[in-house]
Protein backbone atom coordinates (compact mmCIF):
# COMPACT_ATOMS: atom_id res chain seq x y z
CA UNK A 1 109.48 103.92 82.22
CA UNK A 2 106.54 105.30 83.95
CA UNK A 3 103.15 104.65 81.73
CA UNK A 4 101.11 107.67 80.12
CA UNK A 5 97.74 108.53 79.79
CA UNK A 6 97.66 107.86 76.03
CA UNK A 7 99.78 104.70 76.72
CA UNK A 8 96.82 103.54 79.28
CA UNK A 9 94.11 105.00 77.04
CA UNK A 10 95.58 102.61 73.82
CA UNK A 11 96.29 99.56 75.76
CA UNK A 12 94.53 96.90 73.65
CA UNK A 13 93.56 93.32 74.27
CA UNK A 14 95.36 90.53 74.01
CA UNK A 15 95.36 86.73 73.70
CA UNK A 16 96.40 86.59 76.98
CA UNK A 17 96.51 89.09 79.98
CA UNK A 18 99.37 91.29 80.49
CA UNK A 19 100.52 93.96 82.67
CA UNK A 20 101.84 97.62 81.56
CA UNK A 21 104.34 99.10 84.56
CA UNK A 22 104.13 101.95 85.63
CA UNK A 23 107.10 101.69 88.39
CA UNK A 24 107.28 101.43 91.83
CA UNK A 25 104.55 98.44 92.30
CA UNK A 26 102.04 100.02 90.36
CA UNK A 27 100.94 98.23 87.11
CA UNK A 28 97.76 98.23 84.88
CA UNK A 29 96.60 94.65 83.84
CA UNK A 30 94.63 94.16 80.27
CA UNK A 31 92.61 91.17 80.17
CA UNK A 32 91.59 89.55 77.06
CA UNK A 33 88.23 90.67 77.82
CA UNK A 34 89.14 94.23 77.47
CA UNK A 35 89.05 95.40 80.89
CA UNK A 36 91.74 97.03 82.78
CA UNK A 37 92.42 97.44 86.53
CA UNK A 38 95.35 98.68 88.41
CA UNK A 39 97.19 96.52 90.59
CA UNK A 40 99.82 97.40 93.20
CA UNK A 41 102.63 94.89 93.91
CA UNK A 42 104.22 94.97 97.03
CA UNK A 43 106.26 92.53 99.55
CA UNK A 44 105.01 91.57 103.19
CA UNK A 45 106.91 88.99 105.37
CA UNK A 46 108.71 88.13 102.54
CA UNK A 47 105.78 87.02 100.24
CA UNK A 48 104.56 88.88 97.25
CA UNK A 49 101.10 90.22 97.03
CA UNK A 50 99.03 91.93 94.46
CA UNK A 51 96.28 94.02 95.76
CA UNK A 52 93.59 95.55 93.31
CA UNK A 53 93.33 99.43 93.61
CA UNK A 54 90.79 100.08 91.01
CA UNK A 55 89.41 99.79 87.25
CA UNK A 56 90.32 102.02 84.47
CA UNK A 57 88.48 104.48 83.38
CA UNK A 58 86.86 104.83 87.04
CA UNK A 59 90.38 105.20 88.27
CA UNK A 60 92.29 107.44 85.92
CA UNK A 61 96.03 106.91 85.98
CA UNK A 62 96.72 110.49 88.75
CA UNK A 63 94.54 109.01 91.15
CA UNK A 64 96.08 105.11 90.75
CA UNK A 65 99.50 106.67 91.66
CA UNK A 66 97.90 108.50 94.81
CA UNK A 67 96.36 105.23 95.80
CA UNK A 68 99.64 103.32 95.62
CA UNK A 69 101.89 106.15 97.12
CA UNK A 70 98.93 105.74 100.08
CA UNK A 71 99.12 101.80 99.82
CA UNK A 72 103.01 102.18 99.95
CA UNK A 73 102.99 104.76 102.97
CA UNK A 74 100.83 101.85 104.85
CA UNK A 75 103.19 99.32 103.93
CA UNK A 76 106.26 101.42 105.36
CA UNK A 77 105.06 101.86 108.61
CA UNK A 78 103.95 98.13 109.14
CA UNK A 79 100.08 97.77 108.20
CA UNK A 80 99.01 95.34 105.64
CA UNK A 81 97.06 97.39 103.05
CA UNK A 82 94.61 94.44 102.17
CA UNK A 83 93.75 93.86 105.84
CA UNK A 84 93.66 97.13 106.48
CA UNK A 85 91.15 97.85 103.59
CA UNK A 86 88.68 94.89 104.62
CA UNK A 87 88.56 95.94 108.20
CA UNK A 88 87.37 99.63 106.93
CA UNK A 89 84.96 98.33 104.68
CA UNK A 90 84.01 95.77 107.81
CA UNK A 91 83.83 98.97 109.84
CA UNK A 92 81.53 100.83 107.46
CA UNK A 93 79.12 97.61 106.91
CA UNK A 94 78.83 97.57 110.43
CA UNK A 95 78.26 101.50 111.18
CA UNK A 96 75.36 101.31 107.82
CA UNK A 97 73.87 98.05 110.19
CA UNK A 98 74.02 100.19 113.36
CA UNK A 99 71.16 102.73 111.36
CA UNK A 100 67.83 103.01 113.06
CA UNK A 101 66.50 101.29 109.89
CA UNK A 102 69.32 98.59 109.61
CA UNK A 103 68.28 97.68 113.15
CA UNK A 104 64.98 97.83 112.63
CA UNK A 105 65.31 95.46 109.34
CA UNK A 106 67.08 92.94 111.44
CA UNK A 107 64.43 92.82 114.41
CA UNK A 108 61.88 92.56 111.72
CA UNK A 109 63.70 89.76 110.24
CA UNK A 110 63.98 87.84 113.91
CA UNK A 111 60.36 88.45 114.64
CA UNK A 112 58.93 87.15 111.05
CA UNK A 113 60.28 83.53 111.72
CA UNK A 114 57.21 83.53 114.55
CA UNK A 115 54.50 85.94 112.87
CA UNK A 116 52.53 85.40 110.15
CA UNK A 117 52.75 87.47 106.92
CA UNK A 118 49.81 89.27 105.36
CA UNK A 119 48.33 92.78 105.87
CA UNK A 120 46.22 91.89 108.54
CA UNK A 121 48.61 89.90 110.41
CA UNK A 122 50.70 91.29 113.62
CA UNK A 123 53.63 91.34 111.31
CA UNK A 124 52.55 93.29 108.58
CA UNK A 125 50.81 95.79 110.73
CA UNK A 126 54.50 96.22 112.58
CA UNK A 127 55.91 96.69 109.31
CA UNK A 128 53.44 99.34 107.96
CA UNK A 129 53.09 101.57 111.29
CA UNK A 130 57.11 101.44 111.38
CA UNK A 131 57.19 103.15 107.31
CA UNK A 132 54.64 104.89 108.20
CA UNK A 133 55.80 106.84 111.42
CA UNK A 134 59.42 106.56 110.32
CA UNK A 135 58.85 109.26 107.32
CA UNK A 136 57.30 111.90 109.26
CA UNK A 137 58.87 115.34 109.02
CA UNK A 138 59.45 115.80 112.39
CA UNK A 139 61.42 112.50 113.13
CA UNK A 140 64.16 114.39 110.77
CA UNK A 141 65.46 111.41 108.96
CA UNK A 142 65.26 109.03 111.85
CA UNK A 143 66.22 106.16 109.55
CA UNK A 144 69.63 107.10 108.30
CA UNK A 145 70.94 108.32 112.18
CA UNK A 146 73.41 105.91 113.49
CA UNK A 147 71.41 104.57 116.97
CA UNK A 148 74.08 105.48 119.07
CA UNK A 149 74.31 108.68 117.59
CA UNK A 150 70.48 109.43 119.11
CA UNK A 151 71.27 111.43 122.12
CA UNK A 152 68.83 113.67 122.86
CA UNK A 153 64.93 113.92 122.12
CA UNK A 154 64.01 113.36 118.65
CA UNK A 155 60.87 115.60 118.15
CA UNK A 156 61.42 119.17 118.33
CA UNK A 157 59.43 121.21 121.05
CA UNK A 158 57.64 123.22 119.17
CA UNK A 159 56.20 119.92 117.16
CA UNK A 160 55.76 117.98 120.29
CA UNK A 161 52.10 118.92 120.39
CA UNK A 162 51.66 118.54 116.57
CA UNK A 163 53.35 115.03 116.69
CA UNK A 164 51.07 113.85 119.65
CA UNK A 165 47.63 114.88 117.65
CA UNK A 166 49.48 112.74 114.47
CA UNK A 167 49.81 109.56 116.64
C-alpha cells in the first residue's frame, strides 16, 4: 500500500531502524535518532542495491517518487543509477575546479611550496594583486567563469582605456 504524507510525517523513531515501503522500490528508513531518509532498492546484475535519495523533509513524498521513477528509468536503460550519480557529481566538481578562481587557487597552492608566506613576500604580493584585480568591475566576474569559456577579450572596448589607466 502506498505511503501517504500523513504516514510519513507521523513516523516515529523506534529502538531499531525500520523502513516504511511505498512500493516499486521506494522506502522511508526511520532511524532510532529520528532521521528519515528515502531509499530506492533495485536489482543490478543479480544483486540487490540500495540508493539514498535524500532526507525527509528536504525531499517530500512527491519528489521522492519522482526521483524513484528517474532511477527506475535509468535501470531500464541499462544505466547504474548510483554510478551515474557519482559520475555527474564528479563532472560538476571538475567543472567548478576549472573556473578561473579554482585554477588560480591550485596554482597558488603549487607555488606556495617554494615561496615564503608573508605580506611582503612574492607569494603574498601575488595573492593580494590577484584578489584586487579579479574584483575589478570590467572583468565581469571572471573568477566564476569556466576557463575554457573565456573565448573573447574580457575587457569591453569602451572600458579598455580606463582599465589601462587603473593598472
